Amino acid sequence: MNTSALIVMLTTLTLVTGLMIYFFVRVLSTPPRPEPDSYIDNDDEADRQVPKH
């Protein structure tokens, strides 16, 4: 393998590995989003929602 091919291969390998680590850490460090307790609470139409007691 000549020198230019080795440089391209190592650059590509480093770039892909770096991006993978960056996005992996970003996904793991994202805080969870609060979700409603039920599906009905997630509905926007007022006539479908359960009245609160």
N, C-alpha and C. Protein backbone atom coordinates (compact mmCIF):
# COMPACT_ATOMS: atom_id res chain seq x y z
N MET A 1 0.86 -1.18 0.00
CA MET A 1 0.00 0.00 0.00
C MET A 1 0.91 1.23 0.00
N ASN A 2 0.61 2.15 -0.91
CA ASN A 2 1.45 3.33 -0.97
C ASN A 2 1.06 4.34 0.11
N THR A 3 1.86 5.37 0.25
CA THR A 3 1.72 6.32 1.34
C THR A 3 0.42 7.11 1.27
N SER A 4 0.02 7.53 0.09
CA SER A 4 -1.20 8.34 -0.03
C SER A 4 -2.44 7.52 0.34
N ALA A 5 -2.45 6.25 -0.03
CA ALA A 5 -3.59 5.40 0.33
C ALA A 5 -3.65 5.18 1.83
N LEU A 6 -2.52 5.02 2.46
CA LEU A 6 -2.46 4.84 3.91
C LEU A 6 -2.94 6.09 4.63
N ILE A 7 -2.56 7.25 4.14
CA ILE A 7 -2.99 8.51 4.75
C ILE A 7 -4.50 8.68 4.62
N VAL A 8 -5.05 8.39 3.45
CA VAL A 8 -6.50 8.50 3.24
C VAL A 8 -7.24 7.51 4.13
N MET A 9 -6.75 6.29 4.24
CA MET A 9 -7.40 5.28 5.06
C MET A 9 -7.39 5.68 6.54
N LEU A 10 -6.26 6.12 7.04
CA LEU A 10 -6.16 6.50 8.45
C LEU A 10 -6.99 7.75 8.75
N THR A 11 -7.02 8.70 7.82
CA THR A 11 -7.83 9.90 8.00
C THR A 11 -9.31 9.55 8.05
N THR A 12 -9.75 8.70 7.15
CA THR A 12 -11.15 8.29 7.12
C THR A 12 -11.51 7.51 8.37
N LEU A 13 -10.66 6.59 8.77
CA LEU A 13 -10.90 5.80 9.97
C LEU A 13 -10.98 6.69 11.21
N THR A 14 -10.09 7.65 11.32
CA THR A 14 -10.10 8.58 12.46
C THR A 14 -11.35 9.45 12.45
N LEU A 15 -11.73 9.95 11.30
CA LEU A 15 -12.90 10.81 11.19
C LEU A 15 -14.18 10.05 11.55
N VAL A 16 -14.34 8.87 11.01
CA VAL A 16 -15.54 8.08 11.28
C VAL A 16 -15.61 7.68 12.74
N THR A 17 -14.49 7.26 13.31
CA THR A 17 -14.46 6.88 14.72
C THR A 17 -14.74 8.08 15.62
N GLY A 18 -14.17 9.22 15.29
CA GLY A 18 -14.42 10.43 16.08
C GLY A 18 -15.87 10.86 16.04
N LEU A 19 -16.49 10.82 14.87
CA LEU A 19 -17.91 11.18 14.76
C LEU A 19 -18.79 10.19 15.51
N MET A 20 -18.45 8.91 15.44
CA MET A 20 -19.22 7.91 16.15
C MET A 20 -19.15 8.14 17.66
N ILE A 21 -17.98 8.41 18.18
CA ILE A 21 -17.83 8.67 19.61
C ILE A 21 -18.56 9.94 20.00
N TYR A 22 -18.47 10.99 19.19
CA TYR A 22 -19.15 12.26 19.49
C TYR A 22 -20.66 12.06 19.60
N PHE A 23 -21.27 11.40 18.62
CA PHE A 23 -22.72 11.22 18.65
C PHE A 23 -23.14 10.21 19.71
N PHE A 24 -22.33 9.22 19.99
CA PHE A 24 -22.64 8.27 21.05
C PHE A 24 -22.67 8.97 22.41
N VAL A 25 -21.68 9.81 22.68
CA VAL A 25 -21.65 10.56 23.94
C VAL A 25 -22.80 11.55 23.99
N ARG A 26 -23.13 12.15 22.87
CA ARG A 26 -24.23 13.11 22.83
C ARG A 26 -25.57 12.45 23.14
N VAL A 27 -25.78 11.26 22.62
CA VAL A 27 -27.02 10.53 22.91
C VAL A 27 -27.08 10.12 24.38
N LEU A 28 -25.98 9.66 24.92
CA LEU A 28 -25.97 9.22 26.32
C LEU A 28 -26.09 10.38 27.30
N SER A 29 -25.66 11.57 26.92
CA SER A 29 -25.71 12.70 27.86
C SER A 29 -26.97 13.55 27.72
N THR A 30 -27.87 13.21 26.80
CA THR A 30 -29.11 13.95 26.63
C THR A 30 -30.07 13.60 27.77
N PRO A 31 -30.61 14.61 28.46
CA PRO A 31 -31.53 14.31 29.55
C PRO A 31 -32.86 13.77 29.01
N PRO A 32 -33.50 12.88 29.75
CA PRO A 32 -34.77 12.33 29.26
C PRO A 32 -35.86 13.40 29.25
N ARG A 33 -36.72 13.31 28.25
CA ARG A 33 -37.82 14.27 28.16
C ARG A 33 -38.97 13.79 29.01
N PRO A 34 -39.65 14.71 29.69
CA PRO A 34 -40.80 14.29 30.49
C PRO A 34 -41.94 13.85 29.58
N GLU A 35 -42.57 12.75 29.92
CA GLU A 35 -43.66 12.23 29.13
C GLU A 35 -44.94 12.25 29.96
N PRO A 36 -46.08 12.38 29.31
CA PRO A 36 -47.34 12.37 30.06
C PRO A 36 -47.58 11.00 30.68
N ASP A 37 -48.46 10.98 31.69
CA ASP A 37 -48.74 9.73 32.39
C ASP A 37 -49.52 8.75 31.55
N SER A 38 -50.33 9.25 30.64
CA SER A 38 -51.12 8.34 29.82
C SER A 38 -51.26 8.92 28.41
N TYR A 39 -51.81 8.11 27.54
CA TYR A 39 -52.00 8.55 26.17
C TYR A 39 -53.06 9.63 26.08
N ILE A 40 -54.07 9.57 26.93
CA ILE A 40 -55.15 10.56 26.89
C ILE A 40 -54.62 11.95 27.25
N ASP A 41 -53.68 12.02 28.18
CA ASP A 41 -53.10 13.32 28.55
C ASP A 41 -52.31 13.92 27.39
N ASN A 42 -51.91 13.11 26.45
CA ASN A 42 -51.12 13.57 25.33
C ASN A 42 -52.00 14.08 24.19
N ASP A 43 -53.31 13.92 24.28
CA ASP A 43 -54.23 14.30 23.22
C ASP A 43 -54.53 15.80 23.31
N ASP A 44 -54.56 16.47 22.17
CA ASP A 44 -54.78 17.92 22.14
C ASP A 44 -56.25 18.31 22.14
N GLU A 45 -57.13 17.41 21.75
CA GLU A 45 -58.54 17.76 21.67
C GLU A 45 -59.16 17.71 23.06
N ALA A 46 -59.82 18.80 23.45
CA ALA A 46 -60.36 18.92 24.80
C ALA A 46 -61.48 17.93 25.08
N ASP A 47 -62.31 17.59 24.10
CA ASP A 47 -63.42 16.69 24.36
C ASP A 47 -62.98 15.24 24.57
N ARG A 48 -61.75 14.91 24.26
CA ARG A 48 -61.24 13.55 24.45
C ARG A 48 -60.51 13.39 25.76
N GLN A 49 -60.16 14.47 26.43
CA GLN A 49 -59.42 14.39 27.65
C GLN A 49 -60.30 14.04 28.84
N VAL A 50 -59.74 13.32 29.77
CA VAL A 50 -60.47 12.93 30.98
C VAL A 50 -60.56 14.15 31.89
N PRO A 51 -61.76 14.43 32.42
CA PRO A 51 -61.87 15.58 33.34
C PRO A 51 -61.08 15.34 34.61
N LYS A 52 -60.43 16.37 35.09
CA LYS A 52 -59.61 16.26 36.30
C LYS A 52 -60.51 16.43 37.52
N HIS A 53 -60.33 15.57 38.50
CA HIS A 53 -61.15 15.60 39.71
C HIS A 53 -60.47 16.34 40.81
